[in-house]
Amino acid sequence: MTRWQLAHGRHLDLGAKALMMGILNVTPDSFSDGGEFDRPDAALAHARQMIAEGAAIIDVGGESTRPGAEPVAAREEQARILPVIEALAGEGCIISVDTYREETARLAVAAGAHIVNDVHGLQREPGIAHVAAESGAGLAVMHTGRDREKLPEVIADQFLFLQRSLEIARDAGVSDGQIVLDPGFGFAKDGEENLQLMARFGELHALGFPLLVGTSRKRLIAHVAGGDRQGRDVGTAATSVILRMKGASIFRVHNVAMNRDALAFADAILERENAAKG
């Protein structure tokens, strides 16, 4: 079991059971649920539902990261998410902020967020690492292939990118106990690359950090199983089970209840496998 250190004196224990991070997009244009939760009252109601269904973390984002999405100004992003973060913090839940902006991360942690989830792996605005170092926030560092030339070999590119991200974090003074890594399924990766990454997922443990995954409703699900965006939850749950059996700890999902039930079976099997090993 590994203890993930978070801001505001909180922590999460990783390893014994799969943990779910419920996705809360406070945006009008996210690929799956854009416009559904862009009002604070709707966002809070959905967050409470996900917590009731078993989410350990609520991941709040104010800018869509879907391919081709229009960027928003930092002030607009902050106006969308900060009231929601403040309200959720008052209810005691653990909150992640999905942002690549240093200023937004700093304000979000001050408003009560415990984790910064950076889809650019600290390599767009490295100052995010300083926010984590100063506040003690947990840091989810994601691999991306966007806006860069990738190595042709999938796992080699993971190591190249994430080792650079880890250098940035350590140089800023972030402790290893604050960091989890995310291989970035779907971020500038085609269907075959995503499948290769999933098949060889266990190799990422050599990096030495807990692993977070986000396959929920992405095109990689349709690549294998078909389905429109709202119809990919069964495929998502299947990938969650596969990745749990390969050692992932945290699952960023839209449909918390379905993934909770699927992951309960994976955890039950892992418990018995570990018991058999003595």
C-alpha atoms as a PDB file:
ATOM      1  CA  MET A   1       0.000   0.000   0.000  1.00  0.00           C
ATOM      2  CA  THR A   2       1.231   3.499  -0.887  1.00  0.00           C
ATOM      3  CA  ARG A   3       0.130   6.709   0.826  1.00  0.00           C
ATOM      4  CA  TRP A   4      -0.578   9.565  -1.601  1.00  0.00           C
ATOM      5  CA  GLN A   5       0.083  12.867   0.162  1.00  0.00           C
ATOM      6  CA  LEU A   6      -2.389  15.652  -0.654  1.00  0.00           C
ATOM      7  CA  ALA A   7      -2.922  19.304   0.243  1.00  0.00           C
ATOM      8  CA  HIS A   8      -4.698  20.487   3.396  1.00  0.00           C
ATOM      9  CA  GLY A   9      -3.417  17.574   5.468  1.00  0.00           C
ATOM     10  CA  ARG A  10      -5.308  14.908   3.514  1.00  0.00           C
ATOM     11  CA  HIS A  11      -4.070  11.660   2.002  1.00  0.00           C
ATOM     12  CA  LEU A  12      -5.296   8.596   0.135  1.00  0.00           C
ATOM     13  CA  ASP A  13      -4.035   5.038   0.575  1.00  0.00           C
ATOM     14  CA  LEU A  14      -3.480   3.376  -2.788  1.00  0.00           C
ATOM     15  CA  GLY A  15      -3.150  -0.251  -3.704  1.00  0.00           C
ATOM     16  CA  ALA A  16      -5.469  -2.389  -1.580  1.00  0.00           C
ATOM     17  CA  LYS A  17      -8.632  -1.283  -3.392  1.00  0.00           C
ATOM     18  CA  ALA A  18      -9.225   0.517  -6.682  1.00  0.00           C
ATOM     19  CA  LEU A  19     -10.106   4.185  -6.207  1.00  0.00           C
ATOM     20  CA  MET A  20     -12.364   6.133  -8.536  1.00  0.00           C
ATOM     21  CA  MET A  21     -11.973   9.730  -9.591  1.00  0.00           C
ATOM     22  CA  GLY A  22     -15.329  11.051 -10.754  1.00  0.00           C
ATOM     23  CA  ILE A  23     -15.206  13.418 -13.732  1.00  0.00           C
ATOM     24  CA  LEU A  24     -16.951  16.771 -13.257  1.00  0.00           C
ATOM     25  CA  ASN A  25     -16.697  18.896 -16.385  1.00  0.00           C
ATOM     26  CA  VAL A  26     -17.953  22.403 -15.600  1.00  0.00           C
ATOM     27  CA  THR A  27     -17.859  23.222 -19.307  1.00  0.00           C
ATOM     28  CA  PRO A  28     -20.243  23.767 -22.212  1.00  0.00           C
ATOM     29  CA  ASP A  29     -18.220  21.681 -24.695  1.00  0.00           C
ATOM     30  CA  SER A  30     -16.603  18.601 -23.143  1.00  0.00           C
ATOM     31  CA  PHE A  31     -16.835  15.620 -25.487  1.00  0.00           C
ATOM     32  CA  SER A  32     -19.179  13.463 -23.397  1.00  0.00           C
ATOM     33  CA  ASP A  33     -21.095  15.727 -21.025  1.00  0.00           C
ATOM     34  CA  GLY A  34     -20.511  19.284 -22.195  1.00  0.00           C
ATOM     35  CA  GLY A  35     -23.245  21.614 -20.974  1.00  0.00           C
ATOM     36  CA  GLU A  36     -24.782  19.130 -18.542  1.00  0.00           C
ATOM     37  CA  PHE A  37     -23.026  20.417 -15.428  1.00  0.00           C
ATOM     38  CA  ASP A  38     -21.893  23.946 -16.340  1.00  0.00           C
ATOM     39  CA  ARG A  39     -24.162  25.523 -13.694  1.00  0.00           C
ATOM     40  CA  PRO A  40     -22.876  25.347 -10.103  1.00  0.00           C
ATOM     41  CA  ASP A  41     -26.074  23.760  -8.786  1.00  0.00           C
ATOM     42  CA  ALA A  42     -26.019  21.022 -11.435  1.00  0.00           C
ATOM     43  CA  ALA A  43     -22.295  20.465 -10.909  1.00  0.00           C
ATOM     44  CA  LEU A  44     -22.681  20.089  -7.155  1.00  0.00           C
ATOM     45  CA  ALA A  45     -25.629  17.719  -7.494  1.00  0.00           C
ATOM     46  CA  HIS A  46     -23.651  15.520  -9.893  1.00  0.00           C
ATOM     47  CA  ALA A  47     -20.592  15.542  -7.631  1.00  0.00           C
ATOM     48  CA  ARG A  48     -22.725  14.432  -4.682  1.00  0.00           C
ATOM     49  CA  GLN A  49     -24.210  11.630  -6.775  1.00  0.00           C
ATOM     50  CA  MET A  50     -20.744  10.387  -7.788  1.00  0.00           C
ATOM     51  CA  ILE A  51     -19.579  10.456  -4.167  1.00  0.00           C
ATOM     52  CA  ALA A  52     -22.652   8.487  -3.117  1.00  0.00           C
ATOM     53  CA  GLU A  53     -21.849   5.935  -5.831  1.00  0.00           C
ATOM     54  CA  GLY A  54     -18.305   5.480  -4.541  1.00  0.00           C
ATOM     55  CA  ALA A  55     -16.011   8.154  -5.996  1.00  0.00           C
ATOM     56  CA  ALA A  56     -13.066   8.895  -3.696  1.00  0.00           C
ATOM     57  CA  ILE A  57     -12.071  12.007  -5.669  1.00  0.00           C
ATOM     58  CA  ILE A  58     -13.994  14.576  -7.711  1.00  0.00           C
ATOM     59  CA  ASP A  59     -11.949  15.910 -10.637  1.00  0.00           C
ATOM     60  CA  VAL A  60     -13.182  19.398 -11.536  1.00  0.00           C
ATOM     61  CA  GLY A  61     -12.306  20.833 -14.944  1.00  0.00           C
ATOM     62  CA  GLY A  62     -13.201  24.128 -16.573  1.00  0.00           C
ATOM     63  CA  GLU A  63     -11.717  23.667 -20.030  1.00  0.00           C
ATOM     64  CA  SER A  64     -12.397  20.819 -22.428  1.00  0.00           C
ATOM     65  CA  THR A  65      -9.369  18.693 -23.343  1.00  0.00           C
ATOM     66  CA  ARG A  66     -11.080  16.903 -26.244  1.00  0.00           C
ATOM     67  CA  PRO A  67      -9.207  17.045 -29.581  1.00  0.00           C
ATOM     68  CA  GLY A  68      -9.931  20.314 -31.387  1.00  0.00           C
ATOM     69  CA  ALA A  69     -11.567  22.032 -28.408  1.00  0.00           C
ATOM     70  CA  GLU A  70     -11.338  25.818 -28.314  1.00  0.00           C
ATOM     71  CA  PRO A  71      -9.113  27.066 -25.483  1.00  0.00           C
ATOM     72  CA  VAL A  72     -10.663  29.332 -22.878  1.00  0.00           C
ATOM     73  CA  ALA A  73      -9.115  32.241 -21.037  1.00  0.00           C
ATOM     74  CA  ALA A  74      -7.713  31.560 -17.587  1.00  0.00           C
ATOM     75  CA  ARG A  75     -10.257  33.877 -15.971  1.00  0.00           C
ATOM     76  CA  GLU A  76     -13.144  32.023 -17.609  1.00  0.00           C
ATOM     77  CA  GLU A  77     -11.744  28.669 -16.502  1.00  0.00           C
ATOM     78  CA  GLN A  78     -11.376  29.978 -12.953  1.00  0.00           C
ATOM     79  CA  ALA A  79     -14.855  31.509 -12.893  1.00  0.00           C
ATOM     80  CA  ARG A  80     -16.318  28.133 -13.840  1.00  0.00           C
ATOM     81  CA  ILE A  81     -14.497  25.974 -11.313  1.00  0.00           C
ATOM     82  CA  LEU A  82     -13.623  28.003  -8.213  1.00  0.00           C
ATOM     83  CA  PRO A  83     -17.177  28.331  -6.828  1.00  0.00           C
ATOM     84  CA  VAL A  84     -17.691  24.578  -7.288  1.00  0.00           C
ATOM     85  CA  ILE A  85     -14.371  23.730  -5.611  1.00  0.00           C
ATOM     86  CA  GLU A  86     -15.146  26.020  -2.670  1.00  0.00           C
ATOM     87  CA  ALA A  87     -18.559  24.425  -2.189  1.00  0.00           C
ATOM     88  CA  LEU A  88     -17.241  20.860  -2.438  1.00  0.00           C
ATOM     89  CA  ALA A  89     -14.383  21.640  -0.064  1.00  0.00           C
ATOM     90  CA  GLY A  90     -16.959  22.754   2.463  1.00  0.00           C
ATOM     91  CA  GLU A  91     -18.555  19.313   2.229  1.00  0.00           C
ATOM     92  CA  GLY A  92     -15.288  17.530   3.000  1.00  0.00           C
ATOM     93  CA  CYS A  93     -14.717  15.623  -0.235  1.00  0.00           C
ATOM     94  CA  ILE A  94     -11.318  15.213  -1.855  1.00  0.00           C
ATOM     95  CA  ILE A  95     -11.049  17.442  -4.911  1.00  0.00           C
ATOM     96  CA  SER A  96      -8.752  17.377  -7.925  1.00  0.00           C
ATOM     97  CA  VAL A  97      -8.443  20.320 -10.298  1.00  0.00           C
ATOM     98  CA  ASP A  98      -7.972  19.417 -13.959  1.00  0.00           C
ATOM     99  CA  THR A  99      -5.782  22.241 -15.289  1.00  0.00           C
ATOM    100  CA  TYR A 100      -2.444  22.904 -16.965  1.00  0.00           C
ATOM    101  CA  ARG A 101      -2.290  26.545 -15.779  1.00  0.00           C
ATOM    102  CA  GLU A 102      -0.127  27.497 -12.806  1.00  0.00           C
ATOM    103  CA  GLU A 103      -2.397  30.390 -11.802  1.00  0.00           C
ATOM    104  CA  THR A 104      -5.535  28.257 -11.916  1.00  0.00           C
ATOM    105  CA  ALA A 105      -3.849  25.502  -9.925  1.00  0.00           C
ATOM    106  CA  ARG A 106      -2.735  27.958  -7.241  1.00  0.00           C
ATOM    107  CA  LEU A 107      -6.199  29.489  -6.896  1.00  0.00           C
ATOM    108  CA  ALA A 108      -7.890  26.092  -6.911  1.00  0.00           C
ATOM    109  CA  VAL A 109      -5.700  24.751  -4.096  1.00  0.00           C
ATOM    110  CA  ALA A 110      -6.327  27.943  -2.125  1.00  0.00           C
ATOM    111  CA  ALA A 111     -10.066  27.358  -2.658  1.00  0.00           C
ATOM    112  CA  GLY A 112      -9.801  23.851  -1.217  1.00  0.00           C
ATOM    113  CA  ALA A 113      -8.538  21.493  -3.950  1.00  0.00           C
ATOM    114  CA  HIS A 114      -6.230  18.718  -2.769  1.00  0.00           C
ATOM    115  CA  ILE A 115      -4.792  17.488  -6.091  1.00  0.00           C
ATOM    116  CA  VAL A 116      -3.602  19.105  -9.325  1.00  0.00           C
ATOM    117  CA  ASN A 117      -4.199  16.984 -12.430  1.00  0.00           C
ATOM    118  CA  ASP A 118      -2.054  18.301 -15.303  1.00  0.00           C
ATOM    119  CA  VAL A 119      -2.738  16.834 -18.752  1.00  0.00           C
ATOM    120  CA  HIS A 120       0.493  18.390 -20.058  1.00  0.00           C
ATOM    121  CA  GLY A 121       2.652  16.653 -17.461  1.00  0.00           C
ATOM    122  CA  LEU A 122       4.185  19.901 -16.101  1.00  0.00           C
ATOM    123  CA  GLN A 123       5.732  20.575 -19.499  1.00  0.00           C
ATOM    124  CA  ARG A 124       3.453  23.401 -20.626  1.00  0.00           C
ATOM    125  CA  GLU A 125       3.511  25.477 -17.429  1.00  0.00           C
ATOM    126  CA  PRO A 126       6.224  23.981 -15.190  1.00  0.00           C
ATOM    127  CA  GLY A 127       5.243  26.413 -12.422  1.00  0.00           C
ATOM    128  CA  ILE A 128       2.499  23.956 -11.498  1.00  0.00           C
ATOM    129  CA  ALA A 129       5.243  21.905  -9.855  1.00  0.00           C
ATOM    130  CA  HIS A 130       6.046  24.854  -7.587  1.00  0.00           C
ATOM    131  CA  VAL A 131       2.365  25.104  -6.619  1.00  0.00           C
ATOM    132  CA  ALA A 132       2.443  21.462  -5.566  1.00  0.00           C
ATOM    133  CA  ALA A 133       5.733  21.854  -3.708  1.00  0.00           C
ATOM    134  CA  GLU A 134       4.540  24.915  -1.784  1.00  0.00           C
ATOM    135  CA  SER A 135       1.069  23.602  -0.943  1.00  0.00           C
ATOM    136  CA  GLY A 136       1.730  19.884  -0.519  1.00  0.00           C
ATOM    137  CA  ALA A 137      -0.898  19.121  -3.162  1.00  0.00           C
ATOM    138  CA  GLY A 138      -1.046  15.736  -4.793  1.00  0.00           C
ATOM    139  CA  LEU A 139       0.123  15.843  -8.382  1.00  0.00           C
ATOM    140  CA  ALA A 140      -1.247  13.714 -11.230  1.00  0.00           C
ATOM    141  CA  VAL A 141       1.300  13.915 -14.050  1.00  0.00           C
ATOM    142  CA  MET A 142      -0.047  12.843 -17.431  1.00  0.00           C
ATOM    143  CA  HIS A 143       1.762  11.766 -20.595  1.00  0.00           C
ATOM    144  CA  THR A 144       0.664  13.415 -23.817  1.00  0.00           C
ATOM    145  CA  GLY A 145       1.713  13.204 -27.422  1.00  0.00           C
ATOM    146  CA  ARG A 146       0.177  16.550 -28.326  1.00  0.00           C
ATOM    147  CA  ASP A 147       2.345  19.360 -29.689  1.00  0.00           C
ATOM    148  CA  ARG A 148       5.489  17.249 -29.798  1.00  0.00           C
ATOM    149  CA  GLU A 149       7.195  14.592 -31.899  1.00  0.00           C
ATOM    150  CA  LYS A 150       6.749  11.191 -30.301  1.00  0.00           C
ATOM    151  CA  LEU A 151       9.109   8.264 -30.351  1.00  0.00           C
ATOM    152  CA  PRO A 152       7.689   5.480 -32.538  1.00  0.00           C
ATOM    153  CA  GLU A 153       7.838   2.931 -29.711  1.00  0.00           C
ATOM    154  CA  VAL A 154       4.943   3.443 -27.283  1.00  0.00           C
ATOM    155  CA  ILE A 155       6.576   2.541 -23.973  1.00  0.00           C
ATOM    156  CA  ALA A 156       9.849   4.262 -24.844  1.00  0.00           C
ATOM    157  CA  ASP A 157       7.922   7.479 -25.426  1.00  0.00           C
ATOM    158  CA  GLN A 158       6.161   7.084 -22.070  1.00  0.00           C
ATOM    159  CA  PHE A 159       9.504   6.852 -20.299  1.00  0.00           C
ATOM    160  CA  LEU A 160      11.032   9.734 -22.263  1.00  0.00           C
ATOM    161  CA  PHE A 161       8.176  12.113 -21.484  1.00  0.00           C
ATOM    162  CA  LEU A 162       7.391  11.086 -17.916  1.00  0.00           C
ATOM    163  CA  GLN A 163      11.018  11.034 -16.789  1.00  0.00           C
ATOM    164  CA  ARG A 164      11.303  14.644 -17.961  1.00  0.00           C
ATOM    165  CA  SER A 165       8.144  15.489 -16.023  1.00  0.00           C
ATOM    166  CA  LEU A 166       9.572  13.850 -12.917  1.00  0.00           C
ATOM    167  CA  GLU A 167      12.742  15.918 -13.260  1.00  0.00           C
ATOM    168  CA  ILE A 168      10.630  19.091 -13.318  1.00  0.00           C
ATOM    169  CA  ALA A 169       8.710  17.990 -10.236  1.00  0.00           C
ATOM    170  CA  ARG A 170      11.774  17.031  -8.238  1.00  0.00           C
ATOM    171  CA  ASP A 171      13.681  20.181  -9.210  1.00  0.00           C
ATOM    172  CA  ALA A 172      10.756  22.206  -7.832  1.00  0.00           C
ATOM    173  CA  GLY A 173      10.846  20.304  -4.552  1.00  0.00           C
ATOM    174  CA  VAL A 174       7.832  18.016  -4.994  1.00  0.00           C
ATOM    175  CA  SER A 175       8.211  14.852  -2.937  1.00  0.00           C
ATOM    176  CA  ASP A 176       7.743  11.470  -4.579  1.00  0.00           C
ATOM    177  CA  GLY A 177       4.880  10.771  -2.177  1.00  0.00           C
ATOM    178  CA  GLN A 178       2.829  13.524  -3.835  1.00  0.00           C
ATOM    179  CA  ILE A 179       3.056  12.085  -7.357  1.00  0.00           C
ATOM    180  CA  VAL A 180       0.974   9.665  -9.400  1.00  0.00           C
ATOM    181  CA  LEU A 181       1.509   9.089 -13.116  1.00  0.00           C
ATOM    182  CA  ASP A 182      -1.070   8.836 -15.905  1.00  0.00           C
ATOM    183  CA  PRO A 183      -0.102   7.317 -19.295  1.00  0.00           C
ATOM    184  CA  GLY A 184      -2.639   9.537 -21.072  1.00  0.00           C
ATOM    185  CA  PHE A 185      -4.799   7.116 -23.008  1.00  0.00           C
ATOM    186  CA  GLY A 186      -6.238   8.874 -26.051  1.00  0.00           C
ATOM    187  CA  PHE A 187      -4.008  11.952 -25.946  1.00  0.00           C
ATOM    188  CA  ALA A 188      -2.478  12.001 -29.456  1.00  0.00           C
ATOM    189  CA  LYS A 189      -2.494   8.200 -29.574  1.00  0.00           C
ATOM    190  CA  ASP A 190      -4.249   6.204 -32.269  1.00  0.00           C
ATOM    191  CA  GLY A 191      -6.230   3.034 -31.681  1.00  0.00           C
ATOM    192  CA  GLU A 192      -3.287   0.682 -32.080  1.00  0.00           C
ATOM    193  CA  GLU A 193      -1.068   2.796 -29.805  1.00  0.00           C
ATOM    194  CA  ASN A 194      -3.739   2.754 -27.102  1.00  0.00           C
ATOM    195  CA  LEU A 195      -4.058  -1.033 -27.330  1.00  0.00           C
ATOM    196  CA  GLN A 196      -0.283  -1.478 -27.213  1.00  0.00           C
ATOM    197  CA  LEU A 197      -0.143   0.783 -24.165  1.00  0.00           C
ATOM    198  CA  MET A 198      -2.857  -1.227 -22.460  1.00  0.00           C
ATOM    199  CA  ALA A 199      -1.269  -4.578 -23.311  1.00  0.00           C
ATOM    200  CA  ARG A 200       2.128  -3.446 -21.992  1.00  0.00           C
ATOM    201  CA  PHE A 201       0.808  -1.357 -19.108  1.00  0.00           C
ATOM    202  CA  GLY A 202       2.690  -3.378 -16.507  1.00  0.00           C
ATOM    203  CA  GLU A 203       5.996  -2.086 -17.859  1.00  0.00           C
ATOM    204  CA  LEU A 204       5.145   1.378 -16.522  1.00  0.00           C
ATOM    205  CA  HIS A 205       5.598   0.166 -12.943  1.00  0.00           C
ATOM    206  CA  ALA A 206       9.339   0.455 -13.544  1.00  0.00           C
ATOM    207  CA  LEU A 207       8.879   4.216 -13.152  1.00  0.00           C
ATOM    208  CA  GLY A 208       8.169   3.560  -9.483  1.00  0.00           C
ATOM    209  CA  PHE A 209       4.931   5.530  -8.969  1.00  0.00           C
ATOM    210  CA  PRO A 210       1.239   4.694  -8.547  1.00  0.00           C
ATOM    211  CA  LEU A 211      -0.679   4.805 -11.824  1.00  0.00           C
ATOM    212  CA  LEU A 212      -3.889   6.655 -12.664  1.00  0.00           C
ATOM    213  CA  VAL A 213      -5.804   5.857 -15.860  1.00  0.00           C
ATOM    214  CA  GLY A 214      -8.488   7.637 -17.832  1.00  0.00           C
ATOM    215  CA  THR A 215     -10.080   5.619 -20.626  1.00  0.00           C
ATOM    216  CA  SER A 216     -13.650   6.703 -19.920  1.00  0.00           C
ATOM    217  CA  ARG A 217     -15.825   7.001 -23.049  1.00  0.00           C
ATOM    218  CA  LYS A 218     -12.816   7.749 -25.245  1.00  0.00           C
ATOM    219  CA  ARG A 219     -12.479   6.846 -28.912  1.00  0.00           C
ATOM    220  CA  LEU A 220     -10.227   3.933 -27.982  1.00  0.00           C
ATOM    221  CA  ILE A 221     -13.363   2.224 -26.611  1.00  0.00           C
ATOM    222  CA  ALA A 222     -15.173   2.682 -29.913  1.00  0.00           C
ATOM    223  CA  HIS A 223     -12.050   1.473 -31.752  1.00  0.00           C
ATOM    224  CA  VAL A 224     -12.662  -1.986 -30.295  1.00  0.00           C
ATOM    225  CA  ALA A 225     -16.295  -2.142 -29.184  1.00  0.00           C
ATOM    226  CA  GLY A 226     -18.104   0.607 -31.108  1.00  0.00           C
ATOM    227  CA  GLY A 227     -20.770   2.778 -29.536  1.00  0.00           C
ATOM    228  CA  ASP A 228     -21.420   6.495 -29.366  1.00  0.00           C
ATOM    229  CA  ARG A 229     -19.990   8.624 -26.578  1.00  0.00           C
ATOM    230  CA  GLN A 230     -22.791   7.934 -24.128  1.00  0.00           C
ATOM    231  CA  GLY A 231     -22.789   4.237 -25.016  1.00  0.00           C
ATOM    232  CA  ARG A 232     -19.174   3.444 -24.148  1.00  0.00           C
ATOM    233  CA  ASP A 233     -19.561   2.803 -20.434  1.00  0.00           C
ATOM    234  CA  VAL A 234     -19.510  -1.009 -20.682  1.00  0.00           C
ATOM    235  CA  GLY A 235     -16.313  -0.865 -22.734  1.00  0.00           C
ATOM    236  CA  THR A 236     -14.854   1.592 -20.242  1.00  0.00           C
ATOM    237  CA  ALA A 237     -15.588  -0.769 -17.359  1.00  0.00           C
ATOM    238  CA  ALA A 238     -13.885  -3.592 -19.262  1.00  0.00           C
ATOM    239  CA  THR A 239     -10.721  -1.509 -19.683  1.00  0.00           C
ATOM    240  CA  SER A 240     -10.863  -0.572 -16.004  1.00  0.00           C
ATOM    241  CA  VAL A 241     -10.827  -4.250 -15.034  1.00  0.00           C
ATOM    242  CA  ILE A 242      -7.956  -5.019 -17.423  1.00  0.00           C
ATOM    243  CA  LEU A 243      -5.881  -2.123 -16.123  1.00  0.00           C
ATOM    244  CA  ARG A 244      -6.663  -2.928 -12.482  1.00  0.00           C
ATOM    245  CA  MET A 245      -5.391  -6.458 -13.015  1.00  0.00           C
ATOM    246  CA  LYS A 246      -2.240  -4.903 -14.476  1.00  0.00           C
ATOM    247  CA  GLY A 247      -1.755  -2.696 -11.418  1.00  0.00           C
ATOM    248  CA  ALA A 248      -3.522   0.644 -11.962  1.00  0.00           C
ATOM    249  CA  SER A 249      -4.643   2.284  -8.717  1.00  0.00           C
ATOM    250  CA  ILE A 250      -6.945   5.187  -9.686  1.00  0.00           C
ATOM    251  CA  PHE A 251      -9.645   5.277 -12.373  1.00  0.00           C
ATOM    252  CA  ARG A 252     -10.919   8.559 -13.793  1.00  0.00           C
ATOM    253  CA  VAL A 253     -14.477   7.788 -14.957  1.00  0.00           C
ATOM    254  CA  HIS A 254     -17.830   9.296 -15.919  1.00  0.00           C
ATOM    255  CA  ASN A 255     -20.008   6.376 -14.800  1.00  0.00           C
ATOM    256  CA  VAL A 256     -18.892   5.743 -11.229  1.00  0.00           C
ATOM    257  CA  ALA A 257     -21.471   3.075 -10.343  1.00  0.00           C
ATOM    258  CA  MET A 258     -20.700   0.814 -13.303  1.00  0.00           C
ATOM    259  CA  ASN A 259     -16.952   1.001 -12.792  1.00  0.00           C
ATOM    260  CA  ARG A 260     -17.371   0.489  -9.032  1.00  0.00           C
ATOM    261  CA  ASP A 261     -19.147  -2.806  -9.636  1.00  0.00           C
ATOM    262  CA  ALA A 262     -16.680  -3.985 -12.296  1.00  0.00           C
ATOM    263  CA  LEU A 263     -13.659  -3.064 -10.185  1.00  0.00           C
ATOM    264  CA  ALA A 264     -15.095  -4.858  -7.156  1.00  0.00           C
ATOM    265  CA  PHE A 265     -14.635  -8.129  -9.054  1.00  0.00           C
ATOM    266  CA  ALA A 266     -11.098  -7.237 -10.054  1.00  0.00           C
ATOM    267  CA  ASP A 267     -10.246  -6.409  -6.439  1.00  0.00           C
ATOM    268  CA  ALA A 268     -11.797  -9.673  -5.225  1.00  0.00           C
ATOM    269  CA  ILE A 269      -9.622 -11.691  -7.615  1.00  0.00           C
ATOM    270  CA  LEU A 270      -6.486  -9.719  -6.761  1.00  0.00           C
ATOM    271  CA  GLU A 271      -7.113 -10.280  -3.051  1.00  0.00           C
ATOM    272  CA  ARG A 272      -7.269 -14.029  -3.574  1.00  0.00           C
ATOM    273  CA  GLU A 273      -4.236 -14.066  -5.849  1.00  0.00           C
ATOM    274  CA  ASN A 274      -2.244 -12.194  -3.220  1.00  0.00           C
ATOM    275  CA  ALA A 275      -3.435 -14.541  -0.491  1.00  0.00           C
ATOM    276  CA  ALA A 276      -2.365 -17.560  -2.578  1.00  0.00           C
ATOM    277  CA  LYS A 277       1.120 -16.072  -2.907  1.00  0.00           C
ATOM    278  CA  GLY A 278       1.325 -15.996   0.871  1.00  0.00           C
END
